[in-house]
Structures are given as structure tokens and as C-alpha cells.
Amino acid sequence: MQINKSYWENLYKNNQIGWDIGYPSTPLKEYIDQLTNKELNILIPGAGNGYEAEYLYNKGFTHTFYLDYSTEALKSFKNKYPDFPNSNIITDDFFEHTGKYDLILELAFFTSVIPEEREKLAEKIFELLKPGGKYVGVFFNHEFKLNEPPFGAMKETYLELIKDKFKVKIFEIAYNSIKPRAGRELFFIFEK
């Protein structure tokens, strides 16, 4: 199976988006709630239905950027949030994207990338972050053993990928995951 743009288009078109909880992820929402600098440049790659993007924007983080290359996901996002500015919507392949950000938020994007491209993903995140920038979010703390997304990993795998790039500020089991994910998510803050 090839994991490419048409793969994602079909999932969104057929509403096969089991990872979508319908609102901002609690660990990310609570992290966002403690942020004070409204001038942060924030990127959400693989943003899908964009609950976190809309939440940030409505809290006054006007430099929040939604990135996804699925036109179906984008359509869904724009239908739900017509007031989100078009200038903050990026329809691009993450690996082709350029820009500099203070914060990159992670929610199920890592698990969408085939394991062979994880190192490339870590490099790209490092490249897109400004010095002192943060990569923050949740990872699954287990393997899924599937031939298609989600591709999980163990804590050691993530640490190996970021060891020469980031300082680990927090990396622990999320205490505030939604019930079906309780004990299975790692909340992290990695600093460039």
C-alpha cells in the first residue's frame, strides 16, 4: 500500500478518520491554555480537521498555521471554520514546506509517516523551528504492527530520533489523555 496524498484524500472522503476525536486533544488544549505569548509563530502539520488550529486562533494566537496536503481535509476544515484566515492555511507537503516557527504542535502526524521516513521527519521539524523553538505534542507509546497508519513507536525510538537535535524538557505518560488513550500517550516538550 502506498501512503500518499490520494490515500489521505480517500480516508477523508469516506470519513475513515478514526483518530479524529472531534475537538482539541486534552493534553494539547491544556498546554495551549498556559501559553501567554500571542506573537508565537505556530505550525500544525497534518492538521486534518484542525481543532487545535481553530482553538489557538480563537484564543488570539493569530500566527497559527494549518498545514495539510489533503484537499478533503482542508474542505472539511474550511466548512467548520470559515473565519479562519486563508493566509494561515498551507496546502503543501510537509517535507516541501519552508518557514520558521517558534512552536510545532504534534497530534497524530508522526504516526502518519512511514517508519522509514521518521529520521527525515525529525530533520524537517528541526529545520522549521527557530533556535529555542519547541516541538510539543503527544506520541503513542506502543507499536501498532500495521501496514498502514497509524505507525506507533516506543519511547526509546523517539528519543533516538531527536537525541542530537533537541533538549528534552518533558517526556512522560500524559496524565490528561482522553479515556480510550489513557496510559498510551506520551506528552512531550522538545526544545531546539
N, C-alpha and C. Protein backbone atom coordinates (compact mmCIF):
# COMPACT_ATOMS: atom_id res chain seq x y z
N MET A 1 0.84 -1.20 0.00
CA MET A 1 0.00 0.00 0.00
C MET A 1 0.88 1.25 0.00
N GLN A 2 0.52 2.19 -0.84
CA GLN A 2 1.28 3.43 -0.90
C GLN A 2 0.56 4.50 -0.08
N ILE A 3 1.31 5.08 0.86
CA ILE A 3 0.76 6.14 1.70
C ILE A 3 1.13 7.47 1.04
N ASN A 4 0.17 8.03 0.33
CA ASN A 4 0.43 9.28 -0.40
C ASN A 4 -0.81 10.18 -0.29
N LYS A 5 -0.81 11.24 -1.04
CA LYS A 5 -1.90 12.20 -0.97
C LYS A 5 -3.25 11.55 -1.26
N SER A 6 -3.33 10.70 -2.30
CA SER A 6 -4.63 10.09 -2.63
C SER A 6 -5.09 9.13 -1.53
N TYR A 7 -4.15 8.50 -0.83
CA TYR A 7 -4.50 7.65 0.31
C TYR A 7 -5.28 8.48 1.34
N TRP A 8 -4.73 9.66 1.69
CA TRP A 8 -5.38 10.52 2.68
C TRP A 8 -6.68 11.10 2.16
N GLU A 9 -6.71 11.48 0.86
CA GLU A 9 -7.94 12.01 0.28
C GLU A 9 -9.09 11.01 0.44
N ASN A 10 -8.80 9.74 0.16
CA ASN A 10 -9.83 8.70 0.26
C ASN A 10 -10.30 8.52 1.69
N LEU A 11 -9.39 8.56 2.65
CA LEU A 11 -9.80 8.42 4.05
C LEU A 11 -10.76 9.53 4.46
N TYR A 12 -10.42 10.76 4.10
CA TYR A 12 -11.28 11.89 4.45
C TYR A 12 -12.60 11.84 3.68
N LYS A 13 -12.52 11.52 2.41
CA LYS A 13 -13.73 11.46 1.58
C LYS A 13 -14.71 10.42 2.12
N ASN A 14 -14.19 9.29 2.59
CA ASN A 14 -15.02 8.20 3.10
C ASN A 14 -15.22 8.25 4.61
N ASN A 15 -14.79 9.35 5.22
CA ASN A 15 -14.92 9.56 6.66
C ASN A 15 -14.34 8.41 7.48
N GLN A 16 -13.21 7.90 7.04
CA GLN A 16 -12.49 6.84 7.76
C GLN A 16 -11.37 7.47 8.57
N ILE A 17 -11.76 8.29 9.52
CA ILE A 17 -10.79 9.07 10.29
C ILE A 17 -10.94 8.77 11.79
N GLY A 18 -10.69 7.51 12.12
CA GLY A 18 -10.87 7.04 13.49
C GLY A 18 -10.03 7.74 14.54
N TRP A 19 -8.95 8.39 14.12
CA TRP A 19 -8.10 9.12 15.06
C TRP A 19 -8.72 10.46 15.46
N ASP A 20 -9.69 10.93 14.70
CA ASP A 20 -10.30 12.25 14.90
C ASP A 20 -11.27 12.19 16.08
N ILE A 21 -10.97 12.93 17.15
CA ILE A 21 -11.82 12.89 18.35
C ILE A 21 -12.91 13.96 18.33
N GLY A 22 -12.85 14.89 17.38
CA GLY A 22 -13.92 15.87 17.24
C GLY A 22 -13.74 17.17 18.01
N TYR A 23 -12.60 17.32 18.69
CA TYR A 23 -12.31 18.53 19.47
C TYR A 23 -10.81 18.53 19.77
N PRO A 24 -10.28 19.65 20.30
CA PRO A 24 -8.85 19.67 20.60
C PRO A 24 -8.46 18.59 21.61
N SER A 25 -7.35 17.94 21.35
CA SER A 25 -6.81 16.93 22.26
C SER A 25 -6.55 17.57 23.62
N THR A 26 -6.97 16.91 24.70
CA THR A 26 -6.84 17.50 26.04
C THR A 26 -5.40 17.85 26.40
N PRO A 27 -4.40 16.96 26.18
CA PRO A 27 -3.03 17.38 26.52
C PRO A 27 -2.59 18.64 25.77
N LEU A 28 -2.97 18.75 24.49
CA LEU A 28 -2.59 19.95 23.73
C LEU A 28 -3.39 21.17 24.17
N LYS A 29 -4.67 20.99 24.42
CA LYS A 29 -5.51 22.10 24.87
C LYS A 29 -4.96 22.68 26.17
N GLU A 30 -4.61 21.82 27.11
CA GLU A 30 -4.09 22.31 28.40
C GLU A 30 -2.73 22.96 28.24
N TYR A 31 -1.93 22.48 27.31
CA TYR A 31 -0.64 23.14 27.03
C TYR A 31 -0.91 24.52 26.43
N ILE A 32 -1.80 24.59 25.46
CA ILE A 32 -2.14 25.86 24.82
C ILE A 32 -2.67 26.85 25.85
N ASP A 33 -3.49 26.38 26.79
CA ASP A 33 -4.10 27.25 27.78
C ASP A 33 -3.08 27.97 28.67
N GLN A 34 -1.87 27.42 28.77
CA GLN A 34 -0.87 28.09 29.62
C GLN A 34 0.09 28.98 28.82
N LEU A 35 -0.07 29.01 27.50
CA LEU A 35 0.77 29.89 26.67
C LEU A 35 0.32 31.34 26.83
N THR A 36 1.28 32.25 26.86
CA THR A 36 0.94 33.66 27.04
C THR A 36 1.38 34.55 25.87
N ASN A 37 2.40 34.14 25.13
CA ASN A 37 2.93 34.97 24.05
C ASN A 37 2.11 34.78 22.78
N LYS A 38 1.22 35.73 22.51
CA LYS A 38 0.32 35.63 21.36
C LYS A 38 1.03 35.88 20.03
N GLU A 39 2.30 36.25 20.07
CA GLU A 39 3.05 36.51 18.84
C GLU A 39 3.77 35.28 18.30
N LEU A 40 3.65 34.15 18.98
CA LEU A 40 4.32 32.94 18.54
C LEU A 40 3.88 32.54 17.13
N ASN A 41 4.83 32.14 16.31
CA ASN A 41 4.53 31.53 15.01
C ASN A 41 4.38 30.04 15.27
N ILE A 42 3.17 29.51 15.01
CA ILE A 42 2.84 28.13 15.37
C ILE A 42 2.43 27.37 14.11
N LEU A 43 3.01 26.19 13.95
CA LEU A 43 2.66 25.33 12.82
C LEU A 43 2.03 24.04 13.34
N ILE A 44 0.94 23.64 12.69
CA ILE A 44 0.31 22.35 12.99
C ILE A 44 0.34 21.54 11.70
N PRO A 45 1.33 20.63 11.59
CA PRO A 45 1.42 19.82 10.37
C PRO A 45 0.44 18.65 10.38
N GLY A 46 -0.05 18.29 9.20
CA GLY A 46 -1.04 17.22 9.13
C GLY A 46 -2.25 17.57 9.97
N ALA A 47 -2.70 18.81 9.86
CA ALA A 47 -3.69 19.37 10.78
C ALA A 47 -5.10 18.78 10.63
N GLY A 48 -5.38 18.13 9.51
CA GLY A 48 -6.67 17.46 9.36
C GLY A 48 -7.86 18.39 9.55
N ASN A 49 -8.73 18.04 10.50
CA ASN A 49 -9.91 18.86 10.77
C ASN A 49 -9.59 20.10 11.61
N GLY A 50 -8.36 20.22 12.07
CA GLY A 50 -7.84 21.47 12.59
C GLY A 50 -8.43 22.02 13.88
N TYR A 51 -8.87 21.15 14.78
CA TYR A 51 -9.48 21.64 16.03
C TYR A 51 -8.49 22.49 16.83
N GLU A 52 -7.24 22.05 16.89
CA GLU A 52 -6.23 22.80 17.65
C GLU A 52 -5.91 24.14 16.98
N ALA A 53 -5.89 24.15 15.64
CA ALA A 53 -5.62 25.40 14.91
C ALA A 53 -6.71 26.43 15.21
N GLU A 54 -7.96 26.00 15.15
CA GLU A 54 -9.06 26.92 15.42
C GLU A 54 -9.05 27.37 16.88
N TYR A 55 -8.76 26.43 17.78
CA TYR A 55 -8.71 26.77 19.21
C TYR A 55 -7.64 27.83 19.47
N LEU A 56 -6.46 27.63 18.92
CA LEU A 56 -5.38 28.62 19.08
C LEU A 56 -5.78 29.97 18.52
N TYR A 57 -6.32 29.96 17.31
CA TYR A 57 -6.68 31.21 16.65
C TYR A 57 -7.73 31.98 17.47
N ASN A 58 -8.71 31.27 17.97
CA ASN A 58 -9.76 31.90 18.77
C ASN A 58 -9.25 32.43 20.10
N LYS A 59 -8.13 31.91 20.57
CA LYS A 59 -7.52 32.40 21.81
C LYS A 59 -6.57 33.57 21.55
N GLY A 60 -6.48 34.01 20.28
CA GLY A 60 -5.67 35.19 19.96
C GLY A 60 -4.30 34.87 19.39
N PHE A 61 -4.02 33.61 19.12
CA PHE A 61 -2.74 33.24 18.50
C PHE A 61 -2.92 33.33 16.98
N THR A 62 -2.83 34.57 16.49
CA THR A 62 -3.17 34.83 15.09
C THR A 62 -2.09 34.39 14.11
N HIS A 63 -0.94 33.97 14.62
CA HIS A 63 0.14 33.46 13.77
C HIS A 63 0.16 31.93 13.82
N THR A 64 -1.03 31.33 13.86
CA THR A 64 -1.18 29.88 13.85
C THR A 64 -1.41 29.45 12.41
N PHE A 65 -0.63 28.46 11.97
CA PHE A 65 -0.71 28.00 10.60
C PHE A 65 -1.14 26.53 10.53
N TYR A 66 -2.17 26.31 9.75
CA TYR A 66 -2.72 24.99 9.48
C TYR A 66 -2.02 24.46 8.23
N LEU A 67 -1.44 23.25 8.31
CA LEU A 67 -0.79 22.66 7.14
C LEU A 67 -1.33 21.25 6.91
N ASP A 68 -1.83 21.02 5.71
CA ASP A 68 -2.24 19.67 5.31
C ASP A 68 -2.24 19.64 3.79
N TYR A 69 -1.91 18.50 3.21
CA TYR A 69 -1.96 18.43 1.75
C TYR A 69 -3.20 17.72 1.23
N SER A 70 -4.07 17.31 2.12
CA SER A 70 -5.33 16.69 1.71
C SER A 70 -6.37 17.78 1.44
N THR A 71 -6.83 17.87 0.20
CA THR A 71 -7.86 18.88 -0.11
C THR A 71 -9.18 18.53 0.57
N GLU A 72 -9.43 17.23 0.80
CA GLU A 72 -10.65 16.82 1.51
C GLU A 72 -10.61 17.29 2.97
N ALA A 73 -9.46 17.14 3.62
CA ALA A 73 -9.32 17.62 4.99
C ALA A 73 -9.49 19.13 5.03
N LEU A 74 -8.89 19.80 4.08
CA LEU A 74 -8.98 21.26 4.01
C LEU A 74 -10.42 21.71 3.81
N LYS A 75 -11.15 21.03 2.93
CA LYS A 75 -12.57 21.36 2.71
C LYS A 75 -13.35 21.25 4.01
N SER A 76 -13.13 20.16 4.71
CA SER A 76 -13.82 19.93 5.99
C SER A 76 -13.48 21.04 6.99
N PHE A 77 -12.19 21.39 7.07
CA PHE A 77 -11.74 22.44 7.98
C PHE A 77 -12.40 23.78 7.64
N LYS A 78 -12.39 24.13 6.36
CA LYS A 78 -12.96 25.42 5.94
C LYS A 78 -14.48 25.47 6.15
N ASN A 79 -15.15 24.32 5.97
CA ASN A 79 -16.59 24.28 6.23
C ASN A 79 -16.89 24.51 7.70
N LYS A 80 -16.08 23.91 8.57
CA LYS A 80 -16.28 24.07 10.01
C LYS A 80 -15.88 25.46 10.50
N TYR A 81 -14.80 25.99 9.94
CA TYR A 81 -14.22 27.23 10.45
C TYR A 81 -14.02 28.24 9.32
N PRO A 82 -15.10 28.77 8.76
CA PRO A 82 -14.97 29.69 7.62
C PRO A 82 -14.24 30.98 7.95
N ASP A 83 -14.15 31.34 9.24
CA ASP A 83 -13.48 32.59 9.61
C ASP A 83 -11.97 32.45 9.79
N PHE A 84 -11.46 31.22 9.75
CA PHE A 84 -10.01 31.03 9.86
C PHE A 84 -9.38 31.63 8.60
N PRO A 85 -8.37 32.50 8.74
CA PRO A 85 -7.84 33.22 7.57
C PRO A 85 -7.16 32.30 6.55
N ASN A 86 -7.50 32.51 5.29
CA ASN A 86 -6.87 31.75 4.20
C ASN A 86 -5.36 31.90 4.19
N SER A 87 -4.88 33.07 4.61
CA SER A 87 -3.44 33.32 4.61
C SER A 87 -2.70 32.43 5.62
N ASN A 88 -3.44 31.82 6.55
CA ASN A 88 -2.84 30.94 7.56
C ASN A 88 -3.05 29.46 7.22
N ILE A 89 -3.55 29.20 6.03
CA ILE A 89 -3.78 27.82 5.59
C ILE A 89 -2.73 27.47 4.53
N ILE A 90 -2.01 26.41 4.80
CA ILE A 90 -0.94 25.96 3.90
C ILE A 90 -1.32 24.59 3.35
N THR A 91 -1.49 24.51 2.04
CA THR A 91 -1.75 23.21 1.41
C THR A 91 -0.46 22.81 0.72
N ASP A 92 0.31 22.03 1.42
CA ASP A 92 1.65 21.70 0.97
C ASP A 92 2.04 20.36 1.57
N ASP A 93 2.98 19.70 0.94
CA ASP A 93 3.61 18.53 1.50
C ASP A 93 4.54 19.03 2.61
N PHE A 94 4.42 18.49 3.79
CA PHE A 94 5.23 18.93 4.92
C PHE A 94 6.72 18.94 4.58
N PHE A 95 7.18 17.94 3.88
CA PHE A 95 8.60 17.82 3.58
C PHE A 95 9.08 18.86 2.57
N GLU A 96 8.15 19.51 1.88
CA GLU A 96 8.49 20.57 0.93
C GLU A 96 8.34 21.96 1.55
N HIS A 97 7.71 22.03 2.69
CA HIS A 97 7.38 23.31 3.32
C HIS A 97 8.64 24.04 3.80
N THR A 98 8.59 25.36 3.69
CA THR A 98 9.66 26.19 4.24
C THR A 98 9.01 27.21 5.17
N GLY A 99 9.75 27.68 6.12
CA GLY A 99 9.25 28.66 7.07
C GLY A 99 10.03 28.51 8.36
N LYS A 100 9.76 29.39 9.31
CA LYS A 100 10.42 29.32 10.61
C LYS A 100 9.36 29.53 11.68
N TYR A 101 9.36 28.64 12.66
CA TYR A 101 8.32 28.63 13.68
C TYR A 101 8.92 28.58 15.08
N ASP A 102 8.16 29.17 16.00
CA ASP A 102 8.51 29.11 17.42
C ASP A 102 8.02 27.81 18.05
N LEU A 103 6.94 27.27 17.47
CA LEU A 103 6.29 26.10 18.04
C LEU A 103 5.69 25.26 16.92
N ILE A 104 5.96 23.95 16.99
CA ILE A 104 5.30 23.00 16.10
C ILE A 104 4.54 22.03 16.99
N LEU A 105 3.22 21.93 16.75
CA LEU A 105 2.37 21.04 17.55
C LEU A 105 2.17 19.71 16.84
N GLU A 106 2.28 18.65 17.61
CA GLU A 106 2.18 17.28 17.11
C GLU A 106 0.95 16.58 17.68
N LEU A 107 0.12 16.10 16.78
CA LEU A 107 -1.00 15.25 17.19
C LEU A 107 -1.30 14.30 16.04
N ALA A 108 -0.78 13.09 16.13
CA ALA A 108 -1.02 12.03 15.15
C ALA A 108 -0.34 12.27 13.80
N PHE A 109 0.48 13.30 13.67
CA PHE A 109 1.20 13.50 12.42
C PHE A 109 2.35 12.49 12.31
N PHE A 110 3.11 12.35 13.36
CA PHE A 110 4.23 11.41 13.37
C PHE A 110 3.75 10.01 12.99
N THR A 111 2.61 9.61 13.51
CA THR A 111 2.10 8.25 13.26
C THR A 111 1.62 8.07 11.82
N SER A 112 1.48 9.16 11.08
CA SER A 112 1.02 9.06 9.69
C SER A 112 2.18 8.87 8.71
N VAL A 113 3.39 9.07 9.20
CA VAL A 113 4.58 8.99 8.36
C VAL A 113 5.17 7.58 8.46
N ILE A 114 5.49 6.99 7.30
CA ILE A 114 6.03 5.63 7.32
C ILE A 114 7.35 5.60 8.12
N PRO A 115 7.58 4.52 8.87
CA PRO A 115 8.77 4.45 9.73
C PRO A 115 10.09 4.76 9.02
N GLU A 116 10.21 4.41 7.76
CA GLU A 116 11.44 4.68 7.02
C GLU A 116 11.71 6.18 6.83
N GLU A 117 10.68 7.01 7.04
CA GLU A 117 10.85 8.46 6.86
C GLU A 117 10.91 9.23 8.18
N ARG A 118 10.98 8.51 9.29
CA ARG A 118 10.98 9.18 10.60
C ARG A 118 12.19 10.08 10.80
N GLU A 119 13.34 9.62 10.36
CA GLU A 119 14.54 10.44 10.53
C GLU A 119 14.43 11.72 9.71
N LYS A 120 13.91 11.59 8.50
CA LYS A 120 13.67 12.75 7.63
C LYS A 120 12.67 13.71 8.29
N LEU A 121 11.65 13.16 8.93
CA LEU A 121 10.66 13.96 9.64
C LEU A 121 11.31 14.75 10.78
N ALA A 122 12.12 14.08 11.58
CA ALA A 122 12.80 14.76 12.70
C ALA A 122 13.71 15.87 12.18
N GLU A 123 14.41 15.62 11.08
CA GLU A 123 15.27 16.64 10.47
C GLU A 123 14.46 17.84 10.01
N LYS A 124 13.30 17.59 9.40
CA LYS A 124 12.47 18.67 8.88
C LYS A 124 11.90 19.52 10.02
N ILE A 125 11.47 18.87 11.08
CA ILE A 125 10.96 19.62 12.23
C ILE A 125 12.06 20.51 12.80
N PHE A 126 13.26 19.95 12.93
CA PHE A 126 14.40 20.72 13.42
C PHE A 126 14.66 21.93 12.51
N GLU A 127 14.62 21.70 11.21
CA GLU A 127 14.88 22.76 10.23
C GLU A 127 13.84 23.88 10.31
N LEU A 128 12.56 23.53 10.54
CA LEU A 128 11.48 24.52 10.55
C LEU A 128 11.42 25.33 11.84
N LEU A 129 12.03 24.82 12.90
CA LEU A 129 11.98 25.54 14.18
C LEU A 129 13.08 26.59 14.26
N LYS A 130 12.73 27.73 14.84
CA LYS A 130 13.72 28.75 15.15
C LYS A 130 14.60 28.25 16.29
N PRO A 131 15.78 28.82 16.48
CA PRO A 131 16.58 28.45 17.66
C PRO A 131 15.76 28.68 18.93
N GLY A 132 15.75 27.71 19.81
CA GLY A 132 14.95 27.79 21.02
C GLY A 132 13.50 27.40 20.81
N GLY A 133 13.13 27.09 19.56
CA GLY A 133 11.76 26.69 19.25
C GLY A 133 11.42 25.35 19.87
N LYS A 134 10.12 25.08 20.01
CA LYS A 134 9.68 23.86 20.67
C LYS A 134 8.81 23.00 19.76
N TYR A 135 9.02 21.72 19.89
CA TYR A 135 8.19 20.68 19.26
C TYR A 135 7.43 20.05 20.41
N VAL A 136 6.10 20.19 20.39
CA VAL A 136 5.27 19.81 21.54
C VAL A 136 4.09 18.98 21.06
N GLY A 137 3.74 17.96 21.84
CA GLY A 137 2.55 17.20 21.48
C GLY A 137 2.47 15.87 22.17
N VAL A 138 1.78 14.95 21.52
CA VAL A 138 1.62 13.60 22.06
C VAL A 138 2.00 12.57 21.00
N PHE A 139 2.68 11.54 21.47
CA PHE A 139 3.02 10.37 20.66
C PHE A 139 2.34 9.17 21.30
N PHE A 140 2.05 8.16 20.50
CA PHE A 140 1.62 6.89 21.06
C PHE A 140 2.84 6.18 21.63
N ASN A 141 2.65 5.49 22.74
CA ASN A 141 3.75 4.79 23.40
C ASN A 141 3.65 3.29 23.16
N HIS A 142 3.39 2.91 21.92
CA HIS A 142 3.36 1.49 21.57
C HIS A 142 3.36 1.35 20.06
N GLU A 143 3.73 0.17 19.61
CA GLU A 143 3.71 -0.16 18.18
C GLU A 143 2.30 -0.63 17.82
N PHE A 144 1.89 -0.37 16.61
CA PHE A 144 0.59 -0.85 16.14
C PHE A 144 0.71 -2.11 15.28
N LYS A 145 1.90 -2.37 14.73
CA LYS A 145 2.13 -3.55 13.89
C LYS A 145 1.17 -3.59 12.70
N LEU A 146 0.97 -2.46 12.07
CA LEU A 146 0.08 -2.36 10.92
C LEU A 146 0.90 -2.04 9.67
N ASN A 147 0.31 -2.28 8.51
CA ASN A 147 0.96 -1.94 7.25
C ASN A 147 0.51 -0.57 6.72
N GLU A 148 -0.28 0.12 7.53
CA GLU A 148 -0.75 1.45 7.18
C GLU A 148 -0.88 2.25 8.48
N PRO A 149 -0.98 3.56 8.37
CA PRO A 149 -1.09 4.37 9.59
C PRO A 149 -2.27 3.94 10.45
N PRO A 150 -2.14 4.07 11.76
CA PRO A 150 -1.06 4.71 12.50
C PRO A 150 0.14 3.79 12.71
N PHE A 151 1.32 4.42 12.63
CA PHE A 151 2.57 3.74 12.93
C PHE A 151 3.06 4.26 14.28
N GLY A 152 2.89 3.48 15.30
CA GLY A 152 3.33 3.90 16.63
C GLY A 152 4.80 3.62 16.82
N ALA A 153 5.28 3.87 18.02
CA ALA A 153 6.67 3.60 18.38
C ALA A 153 6.78 3.59 19.90
N MET A 154 7.91 3.14 20.38
CA MET A 154 8.19 3.15 21.81
C MET A 154 9.00 4.40 22.14
N LYS A 155 9.00 4.77 23.40
CA LYS A 155 9.69 5.98 23.86
C LYS A 155 11.15 6.03 23.38
N GLU A 156 11.82 4.90 23.43
CA GLU A 156 13.24 4.84 23.05
C GLU A 156 13.44 5.23 21.58
N THR A 157 12.49 4.86 20.73
CA THR A 157 12.57 5.19 19.30
C THR A 157 12.53 6.70 19.11
N TYR A 158 11.61 7.37 19.78
CA TYR A 158 11.51 8.83 19.67
C TYR A 158 12.79 9.49 20.17
N LEU A 159 13.29 9.02 21.31
CA LEU A 159 14.50 9.61 21.89
C LEU A 159 15.69 9.45 20.95
N GLU A 160 15.79 8.32 20.30
CA GLU A 160 16.88 8.08 19.35
C GLU A 160 16.80 9.07 18.18
N LEU A 161 15.60 9.37 17.72
CA LEU A 161 15.42 10.27 16.59
C LEU A 161 15.79 11.72 16.91
N ILE A 162 15.60 12.13 18.13
CA ILE A 162 15.80 13.55 18.47
C ILE A 162 17.08 13.81 19.25
N LYS A 163 17.84 12.77 19.60
CA LYS A 163 18.94 12.91 20.55
C LYS A 163 19.97 13.99 20.20
N ASP A 164 20.28 14.19 18.94
CA ASP A 164 21.29 15.19 18.57
C ASP A 164 20.69 16.53 18.18
N LYS A 165 19.37 16.65 18.31
CA LYS A 165 18.70 17.84 17.82
C LYS A 165 17.99 18.65 18.91
N PHE A 166 17.44 17.97 19.88
CA PHE A 166 16.56 18.62 20.84
C PHE A 166 16.96 18.31 22.28
N LYS A 167 16.62 19.27 23.14
CA LYS A 167 16.73 19.05 24.58
C LYS A 167 15.34 18.61 25.05
N VAL A 168 15.30 17.54 25.81
CA VAL A 168 14.02 17.03 26.33
C VAL A 168 13.64 17.83 27.57
N LYS A 169 12.52 18.55 27.49
CA LYS A 169 12.02 19.31 28.65
C LYS A 169 11.05 18.44 29.45
N ILE A 170 10.13 17.76 28.74
CA ILE A 170 9.16 16.85 29.36
C ILE A 170 8.95 15.70 28.37
N PHE A 171 8.88 14.49 28.89
CA PHE A 171 8.58 13.33 28.05
C PHE A 171 8.07 12.23 28.98
N GLU A 172 6.74 12.21 29.16
CA GLU A 172 6.14 11.29 30.13
C GLU A 172 4.73 10.90 29.70
N ILE A 173 4.22 9.85 30.32
CA ILE A 173 2.85 9.43 30.03
C ILE A 173 1.92 10.61 30.33
N ALA A 174 1.08 10.94 29.38
CA ALA A 174 0.13 12.06 29.56
C ALA A 174 -0.87 11.69 30.65
N TYR A 175 -1.04 12.57 31.61
CA TYR A 175 -1.98 12.34 32.72
C TYR A 175 -3.41 12.72 32.32
N ASN A 176 -3.55 13.44 31.19
CA ASN A 176 -4.85 14.00 30.83
C ASN A 176 -5.34 13.54 29.45
N SER A 177 -4.94 12.36 29.04
CA SER A 177 -5.41 11.81 27.76
C SER A 177 -6.91 11.52 27.85
N ILE A 178 -7.55 11.46 26.68
CA ILE A 178 -8.94 11.03 26.68
C ILE A 178 -8.97 9.55 27.08
N LYS A 179 -10.11 9.10 27.59
CA LYS A 179 -10.22 7.76 28.17
C LYS A 179 -9.68 6.63 27.27
N PRO A 180 -10.07 6.56 25.98
CA PRO A 180 -9.57 5.46 25.15
C PRO A 180 -8.04 5.44 24.96
N ARG A 181 -7.39 6.59 25.22
CA ARG A 181 -5.93 6.68 25.03
C ARG A 181 -5.18 6.75 26.35
N ALA A 182 -5.88 6.66 27.45
CA ALA A 182 -5.25 6.78 28.77
C ALA A 182 -4.13 5.76 28.93
N GLY A 183 -2.97 6.25 29.36
CA GLY A 183 -1.82 5.39 29.58
C GLY A 183 -1.08 5.01 28.30
N ARG A 184 -1.59 5.45 27.15
CA ARG A 184 -0.99 5.08 25.87
C ARG A 184 -0.35 6.25 25.14
N GLU A 185 -0.47 7.45 25.71
CA GLU A 185 0.10 8.63 25.06
C GLU A 185 1.24 9.20 25.89
N LEU A 186 2.29 9.61 25.18
CA LEU A 186 3.41 10.31 25.81
C LEU A 186 3.28 11.79 25.47
N PHE A 187 3.23 12.64 26.49
CA PHE A 187 3.25 14.09 26.25
C PHE A 187 4.70 14.52 26.25
N PHE A 188 5.05 15.38 25.31
CA PHE A 188 6.46 15.81 25.23
C PHE A 188 6.59 17.28 24.92
N ILE A 189 7.68 17.84 25.40
CA ILE A 189 8.15 19.17 25.00
C ILE A 189 9.64 18.98 24.71
N PHE A 190 9.99 19.15 23.42
CA PHE A 190 11.39 19.08 22.99
C PHE A 190 11.78 20.49 22.54
N GLU A 191 12.93 20.95 22.96
CA GLU A 191 13.39 22.30 22.60
C GLU A 191 14.62 22.24 21.71
N LYS A 192 14.58 23.01 20.64
CA LYS A 192 15.72 23.06 19.70
C LYS A 192 16.89 23.76 20.37
